[in-house]
């Protein structure tokens, strides 16, 4: 589903009017078009299902990969941002860390960061973002054993409402062996701290 730029422009113009401003004044005249272009970019992930994202970023390497059952690949501190679906507010200073147990093949490291980035380019909840990244990584890597940790600030908590600028939200998502093996969970958490 492609983002309807014309509809975005129309609604941004209406929003500016609803806020009591003149969308035809100098500083706002091109704002609806700029916002539509920005939304195309920052919400690009909404154009794809998790399966399609996995297919886009599933570059694997099979040659000479020998892994033991608990060998872990970790990529930590992947910086992304997203927008909360409840307030359309920015989730920022967001760091995603992921781990998986390879099953005879490994995923290209840049693909892991691309997966996190594309999954974040949606209206999201931090909890769902972790689940989406885990599902995409399962599909792309062929491994059921996935861990995802996300730490973020939410402007819906820091800039409005409760206004607690130092509050951070930390979520974890565990799949496969990570879900049942607390030793694996602890190894992952220790490595990303």
C-alpha atoms as a PDB file:
ATOM      1  CA  UNK A   1       0.000   0.000   0.000  1.00  0.00           C
ATOM      2  CA  UNK A   2       1.639   3.228  -1.114  1.00  0.00           C
ATOM      3  CA  UNK A   3       1.251   6.372   0.945  1.00  0.00           C
ATOM      4  CA  UNK A   4      -1.289   8.728  -0.641  1.00  0.00           C
ATOM      5  CA  UNK A   5       0.710  11.969  -0.822  1.00  0.00           C
ATOM      6  CA  UNK A   6      -2.222  14.001  -2.156  1.00  0.00           C
ATOM      7  CA  UNK A   7      -4.429  12.961   0.763  1.00  0.00           C
ATOM      8  CA  UNK A   8      -1.638  13.726   3.248  1.00  0.00           C
ATOM      9  CA  UNK A   9      -1.187  17.195   1.726  1.00  0.00           C
ATOM     10  CA  UNK A  10      -4.925  17.891   1.917  1.00  0.00           C
ATOM     11  CA  UNK A  11      -5.162  16.788   5.536  1.00  0.00           C
ATOM     12  CA  UNK A  12      -2.028  18.648   6.648  1.00  0.00           C
ATOM     13  CA  UNK A  13      -3.482  21.804   5.130  1.00  0.00           C
ATOM     14  CA  UNK A  14      -6.711  21.149   7.045  1.00  0.00           C
ATOM     15  CA  UNK A  15      -4.766  20.493  10.235  1.00  0.00           C
ATOM     16  CA  UNK A  16      -2.937  23.812   9.882  1.00  0.00           C
ATOM     17  CA  UNK A  17      -6.315  25.528   9.470  1.00  0.00           C
ATOM     18  CA  UNK A  18      -7.733  23.622  12.458  1.00  0.00           C
ATOM     19  CA  UNK A  19      -4.790  24.845  14.541  1.00  0.00           C
ATOM     20  CA  UNK A  20      -5.830  28.397  13.659  1.00  0.00           C
ATOM     21  CA  UNK A  21      -3.026  29.198  11.234  1.00  0.00           C
ATOM     22  CA  UNK A  22      -3.093  30.254   7.584  1.00  0.00           C
ATOM     23  CA  UNK A  23      -1.673  27.493   5.348  1.00  0.00           C
ATOM     24  CA  UNK A  24      -1.181  30.109   2.596  1.00  0.00           C
ATOM     25  CA  UNK A  25       1.206  32.283   4.581  1.00  0.00           C
ATOM     26  CA  UNK A  26       4.860  32.356   3.509  1.00  0.00           C
ATOM     27  CA  UNK A  27       6.277  29.893   6.043  1.00  0.00           C
ATOM     28  CA  UNK A  28       3.482  27.322   5.633  1.00  0.00           C
ATOM     29  CA  UNK A  29       2.738  27.464   1.900  1.00  0.00           C
ATOM     30  CA  UNK A  30       4.881  24.412   1.061  1.00  0.00           C
ATOM     31  CA  UNK A  31       4.461  22.640   4.408  1.00  0.00           C
ATOM     32  CA  UNK A  32       1.782  20.154   3.255  1.00  0.00           C
ATOM     33  CA  UNK A  33       4.021  18.967   0.402  1.00  0.00           C
ATOM     34  CA  UNK A  34       7.104  18.778   2.655  1.00  0.00           C
ATOM     35  CA  UNK A  35       5.182  16.772   5.263  1.00  0.00           C
ATOM     36  CA  UNK A  36       3.873  14.385   2.583  1.00  0.00           C
ATOM     37  CA  UNK A  37       7.424  13.769   1.306  1.00  0.00           C
ATOM     38  CA  UNK A  38       8.648  13.285   4.877  1.00  0.00           C
ATOM     39  CA  UNK A  39       5.855  10.806   5.630  1.00  0.00           C
ATOM     40  CA  UNK A  40       6.749   8.808   2.525  1.00  0.00           C
ATOM     41  CA  UNK A  41      10.245   8.420   3.926  1.00  0.00           C
ATOM     42  CA  UNK A  42       9.625   7.938   7.651  1.00  0.00           C
ATOM     43  CA  UNK A  43       6.671   5.579   7.160  1.00  0.00           C
ATOM     44  CA  UNK A  44       8.200   3.541   4.322  1.00  0.00           C
ATOM     45  CA  UNK A  45       7.863   0.343   6.361  1.00  0.00           C
ATOM     46  CA  UNK A  46       4.074   0.624   6.207  1.00  0.00           C
ATOM     47  CA  UNK A  47       4.309  -0.332   2.529  1.00  0.00           C
ATOM     48  CA  UNK A  48       5.557  -3.839   3.349  1.00  0.00           C
ATOM     49  CA  UNK A  49       4.518  -6.868   5.374  1.00  0.00           C
ATOM     50  CA  UNK A  50       6.994  -8.510   7.721  1.00  0.00           C
ATOM     51  CA  UNK A  51       7.388 -11.313   5.182  1.00  0.00           C
ATOM     52  CA  UNK A  52       8.207  -8.839   2.399  1.00  0.00           C
ATOM     53  CA  UNK A  53      10.799  -7.101   4.585  1.00  0.00           C
ATOM     54  CA  UNK A  54      12.373 -10.486   5.371  1.00  0.00           C
ATOM     55  CA  UNK A  55      12.575 -11.256   1.647  1.00  0.00           C
ATOM     56  CA  UNK A  56      14.161  -7.843   0.934  1.00  0.00           C
ATOM     57  CA  UNK A  57      16.887  -8.323   3.547  1.00  0.00           C
ATOM     58  CA  UNK A  58      17.517 -12.068   3.640  1.00  0.00           C
ATOM     59  CA  UNK A  59      21.103 -12.150   2.323  1.00  0.00           C
ATOM     60  CA  UNK A  60      22.589 -15.220   3.987  1.00  0.00           C
ATOM     61  CA  UNK A  61      26.010 -16.828   3.948  1.00  0.00           C
ATOM     62  CA  UNK A  62      26.213 -20.607   4.133  1.00  0.00           C
ATOM     63  CA  UNK A  63      29.782 -21.458   3.062  1.00  0.00           C
ATOM     64  CA  UNK A  64      32.143 -22.558   5.845  1.00  0.00           C
ATOM     65  CA  UNK A  65      29.762 -21.645   8.635  1.00  0.00           C
ATOM     66  CA  UNK A  66      30.086 -24.063  11.522  1.00  0.00           C
ATOM     67  CA  UNK A  67      28.135 -23.063  14.600  1.00  0.00           C
ATOM     68  CA  UNK A  68      27.405 -24.829  17.838  1.00  0.00           C
ATOM     69  CA  UNK A  69      23.891 -24.932  19.228  1.00  0.00           C
ATOM     70  CA  UNK A  70      24.406 -21.933  21.515  1.00  0.00           C
ATOM     71  CA  UNK A  71      26.690 -19.754  19.371  1.00  0.00           C
ATOM     72  CA  UNK A  72      25.144 -16.287  19.352  1.00  0.00           C
ATOM     73  CA  UNK A  73      25.290 -13.445  16.845  1.00  0.00           C
ATOM     74  CA  UNK A  74      24.571 -10.083  18.485  1.00  0.00           C
ATOM     75  CA  UNK A  75      24.192  -6.663  16.887  1.00  0.00           C
ATOM     76  CA  UNK A  76      23.636  -3.995  19.515  1.00  0.00           C
ATOM     77  CA  UNK A  77      22.765  -0.313  19.651  1.00  0.00           C
ATOM     78  CA  UNK A  78      21.136  -0.080  16.217  1.00  0.00           C
ATOM     79  CA  UNK A  79      19.799   3.470  16.219  1.00  0.00           C
ATOM     80  CA  UNK A  80      16.286   3.851  14.811  1.00  0.00           C
ATOM     81  CA  UNK A  81      13.294   6.079  15.444  1.00  0.00           C
ATOM     82  CA  UNK A  82       9.602   5.494  15.124  1.00  0.00           C
ATOM     83  CA  UNK A  83       6.262   7.142  15.796  1.00  0.00           C
ATOM     84  CA  UNK A  84       3.840   6.060  18.496  1.00  0.00           C
ATOM     85  CA  UNK A  85       0.501   5.102  17.013  1.00  0.00           C
ATOM     86  CA  UNK A  86      -1.375   6.535  20.005  1.00  0.00           C
ATOM     87  CA  UNK A  87      -0.237  10.175  19.700  1.00  0.00           C
ATOM     88  CA  UNK A  88       1.779  10.167  16.431  1.00  0.00           C
ATOM     89  CA  UNK A  89       4.598  11.209  18.760  1.00  0.00           C
ATOM     90  CA  UNK A  90       8.265  10.527  18.138  1.00  0.00           C
ATOM     91  CA  UNK A  91      10.001   7.584  19.814  1.00  0.00           C
ATOM     92  CA  UNK A  92      13.621   8.739  19.846  1.00  0.00           C
ATOM     93  CA  UNK A  93      17.097   7.866  21.132  1.00  0.00           C
ATOM     94  CA  UNK A  94      15.903   4.378  20.301  1.00  0.00           C
ATOM     95  CA  UNK A  95      18.489   1.613  20.410  1.00  0.00           C
ATOM     96  CA  UNK A  96      17.684  -1.860  19.172  1.00  0.00           C
ATOM     97  CA  UNK A  97      19.844  -4.842  20.064  1.00  0.00           C
ATOM     98  CA  UNK A  98      19.245  -8.253  18.539  1.00  0.00           C
ATOM     99  CA  UNK A  99      20.682 -11.738  18.843  1.00  0.00           C
ATOM    100  CA  UNK A 100      20.058 -14.997  17.077  1.00  0.00           C
ATOM    101  CA  UNK A 101      21.442 -18.503  17.130  1.00  0.00           C
ATOM    102  CA  UNK A 102      22.521 -19.354  13.556  1.00  0.00           C
ATOM    103  CA  UNK A 103      21.319 -22.590  12.016  1.00  0.00           C
ATOM    104  CA  UNK A 104      24.236 -23.380   9.693  1.00  0.00           C
ATOM    105  CA  UNK A 105      24.057 -20.008   7.974  1.00  0.00           C
ATOM    106  CA  UNK A 106      24.362 -16.365   8.978  1.00  0.00           C
ATOM    107  CA  UNK A 107      22.522 -13.270   7.926  1.00  0.00           C
ATOM    108  CA  UNK A 108      24.502 -10.315   6.538  1.00  0.00           C
ATOM    109  CA  UNK A 109      25.103  -7.950   9.456  1.00  0.00           C
ATOM    110  CA  UNK A 110      23.903  -4.850   7.612  1.00  0.00           C
ATOM    111  CA  UNK A 111      20.664  -6.681   6.874  1.00  0.00           C
ATOM    112  CA  UNK A 112      19.951  -6.925  10.595  1.00  0.00           C
ATOM    113  CA  UNK A 113      20.224  -3.143  10.937  1.00  0.00           C
ATOM    114  CA  UNK A 114      18.105  -2.652   7.803  1.00  0.00           C
ATOM    115  CA  UNK A 115      15.407  -4.943   9.213  1.00  0.00           C
ATOM    116  CA  UNK A 116      15.263  -2.960  12.471  1.00  0.00           C
ATOM    117  CA  UNK A 117      15.146   0.315  10.556  1.00  0.00           C
ATOM    118  CA  UNK A 118      12.383  -0.755   8.161  1.00  0.00           C
ATOM    119  CA  UNK A 119      10.234  -2.262  10.940  1.00  0.00           C
ATOM    120  CA  UNK A 120      10.537   1.034  12.849  1.00  0.00           C
ATOM    121  CA  UNK A 121       9.306   3.038   9.836  1.00  0.00           C
ATOM    122  CA  UNK A 122       5.691   2.398  10.758  1.00  0.00           C
ATOM    123  CA  UNK A 123       3.212   3.712  13.256  1.00  0.00           C
ATOM    124  CA  UNK A 124       4.329   1.495  16.105  1.00  0.00           C
ATOM    125  CA  UNK A 125       4.193   0.469  19.703  1.00  0.00           C
ATOM    126  CA  UNK A 126       7.613  -0.340  21.125  1.00  0.00           C
ATOM    127  CA  UNK A 127       6.357  -3.777  22.177  1.00  0.00           C
ATOM    128  CA  UNK A 128       5.096  -4.541  18.654  1.00  0.00           C
ATOM    129  CA  UNK A 129       8.305  -3.258  17.105  1.00  0.00           C
ATOM    130  CA  UNK A 130      10.255  -5.881  19.076  1.00  0.00           C
ATOM    131  CA  UNK A 131       7.828  -8.594  17.955  1.00  0.00           C
ATOM    132  CA  UNK A 132       8.011  -7.421  14.312  1.00  0.00           C
ATOM    133  CA  UNK A 133      11.824  -7.419  14.313  1.00  0.00           C
ATOM    134  CA  UNK A 134      11.873 -10.897  15.893  1.00  0.00           C
ATOM    135  CA  UNK A 135       9.433 -12.275  13.306  1.00  0.00           C
ATOM    136  CA  UNK A 136      11.315 -10.731  10.382  1.00  0.00           C
ATOM    137  CA  UNK A 137      14.634 -12.060  11.697  1.00  0.00           C
ATOM    138  CA  UNK A 138      13.152 -15.533  12.073  1.00  0.00           C
ATOM    139  CA  UNK A 139      11.993 -15.459   8.461  1.00  0.00           C
ATOM    140  CA  UNK A 140      15.209 -13.951   7.087  1.00  0.00           C
ATOM    141  CA  UNK A 141      17.726 -16.013   9.072  1.00  0.00           C
ATOM    142  CA  UNK A 142      15.957 -19.364   9.206  1.00  0.00           C
ATOM    143  CA  UNK A 143      16.502 -19.427  12.980  1.00  0.00           C
ATOM    144  CA  UNK A 144      13.663 -19.632  15.475  1.00  0.00           C
ATOM    145  CA  UNK A 145      15.981 -18.488  18.281  1.00  0.00           C
ATOM    146  CA  UNK A 146      15.785 -14.673  18.393  1.00  0.00           C
ATOM    147  CA  UNK A 147      16.179 -12.023  21.099  1.00  0.00           C
ATOM    148  CA  UNK A 148      15.349  -8.329  20.689  1.00  0.00           C
ATOM    149  CA  UNK A 149      15.838  -5.555  23.244  1.00  0.00           C
ATOM    150  CA  UNK A 150      14.763  -1.977  22.658  1.00  0.00           C
ATOM    151  CA  UNK A 151      15.440   1.089  24.775  1.00  0.00           C
ATOM    152  CA  UNK A 152      13.791   4.381  23.852  1.00  0.00           C
ATOM    153  CA  UNK A 153      12.480   7.746  24.898  1.00  0.00           C
ATOM    154  CA  UNK A 154       8.886   8.542  24.009  1.00  0.00           C
ATOM    155  CA  UNK A 155       7.952  12.144  23.362  1.00  0.00           C
ATOM    156  CA  UNK A 156       4.396  11.285  24.396  1.00  0.00           C
ATOM    157  CA  UNK A 157       5.896  10.905  27.898  1.00  0.00           C
ATOM    158  CA  UNK A 158       8.748  13.422  27.779  1.00  0.00           C
ATOM    159  CA  UNK A 159       7.215  16.433  25.994  1.00  0.00           C
ATOM    160  CA  UNK A 160       3.540  16.161  26.929  1.00  0.00           C
ATOM    161  CA  UNK A 161       1.288  14.545  29.496  1.00  0.00           C
ATOM    162  CA  UNK A 162       3.382  13.384  32.433  1.00  0.00           C
ATOM    163  CA  UNK A 163       6.480  15.291  31.120  1.00  0.00           C
ATOM    164  CA  UNK A 164       9.189  13.009  32.479  1.00  0.00           C
ATOM    165  CA  UNK A 165      12.182  13.709  30.199  1.00  0.00           C
ATOM    166  CA  UNK A 166      14.483  11.154  31.824  1.00  0.00           C
ATOM    167  CA  UNK A 167      12.012   8.247  31.563  1.00  0.00           C
ATOM    168  CA  UNK A 168      13.168   5.488  29.207  1.00  0.00           C
ATOM    169  CA  UNK A 169      11.246   2.410  28.152  1.00  0.00           C
ATOM    170  CA  UNK A 170      13.046  -0.935  27.860  1.00  0.00           C
ATOM    171  CA  UNK A 171      11.348  -3.915  26.220  1.00  0.00           C
ATOM    172  CA  UNK A 172      12.506  -7.430  25.392  1.00  0.00           C
ATOM    173  CA  UNK A 173      11.154  -9.985  22.960  1.00  0.00           C
ATOM    174  CA  UNK A 174      12.308 -13.606  23.104  1.00  0.00           C
ATOM    175  CA  UNK A 175      11.569 -16.353  20.588  1.00  0.00           C
ATOM    176  CA  UNK A 176      12.600 -20.001  20.385  1.00  0.00           C
ATOM    177  CA  UNK A 177      15.265 -21.071  22.889  1.00  0.00           C
ATOM    178  CA  UNK A 178      15.623 -17.500  24.179  1.00  0.00           C
ATOM    179  CA  UNK A 179      12.044 -17.714  25.439  1.00  0.00           C
ATOM    180  CA  UNK A 180      12.638 -20.765  27.642  1.00  0.00           C
ATOM    181  CA  UNK A 181      16.371 -20.637  28.421  1.00  0.00           C
ATOM    182  CA  UNK A 182      17.068 -18.011  31.073  1.00  0.00           C
ATOM    183  CA  UNK A 183      20.832 -18.590  30.734  1.00  0.00           C
ATOM    184  CA  UNK A 184      20.608 -17.507  27.062  1.00  0.00           C
ATOM    185  CA  UNK A 185      18.461 -14.519  28.047  1.00  0.00           C
ATOM    186  CA  UNK A 186      21.006 -13.511  30.689  1.00  0.00           C
ATOM    187  CA  UNK A 187      23.947 -13.891  28.258  1.00  0.00           C
ATOM    188  CA  UNK A 188      22.152 -11.651  25.781  1.00  0.00           C
ATOM    189  CA  UNK A 189      21.266  -8.980  28.364  1.00  0.00           C
ATOM    190  CA  UNK A 190      24.818  -9.055  29.770  1.00  0.00           C
ATOM    191  CA  UNK A 191      26.329  -8.593  26.299  1.00  0.00           C
ATOM    192  CA  UNK A 192      24.190  -5.598  25.377  1.00  0.00           C
ATOM    193  CA  UNK A 193      24.692  -3.651  28.613  1.00  0.00           C
END
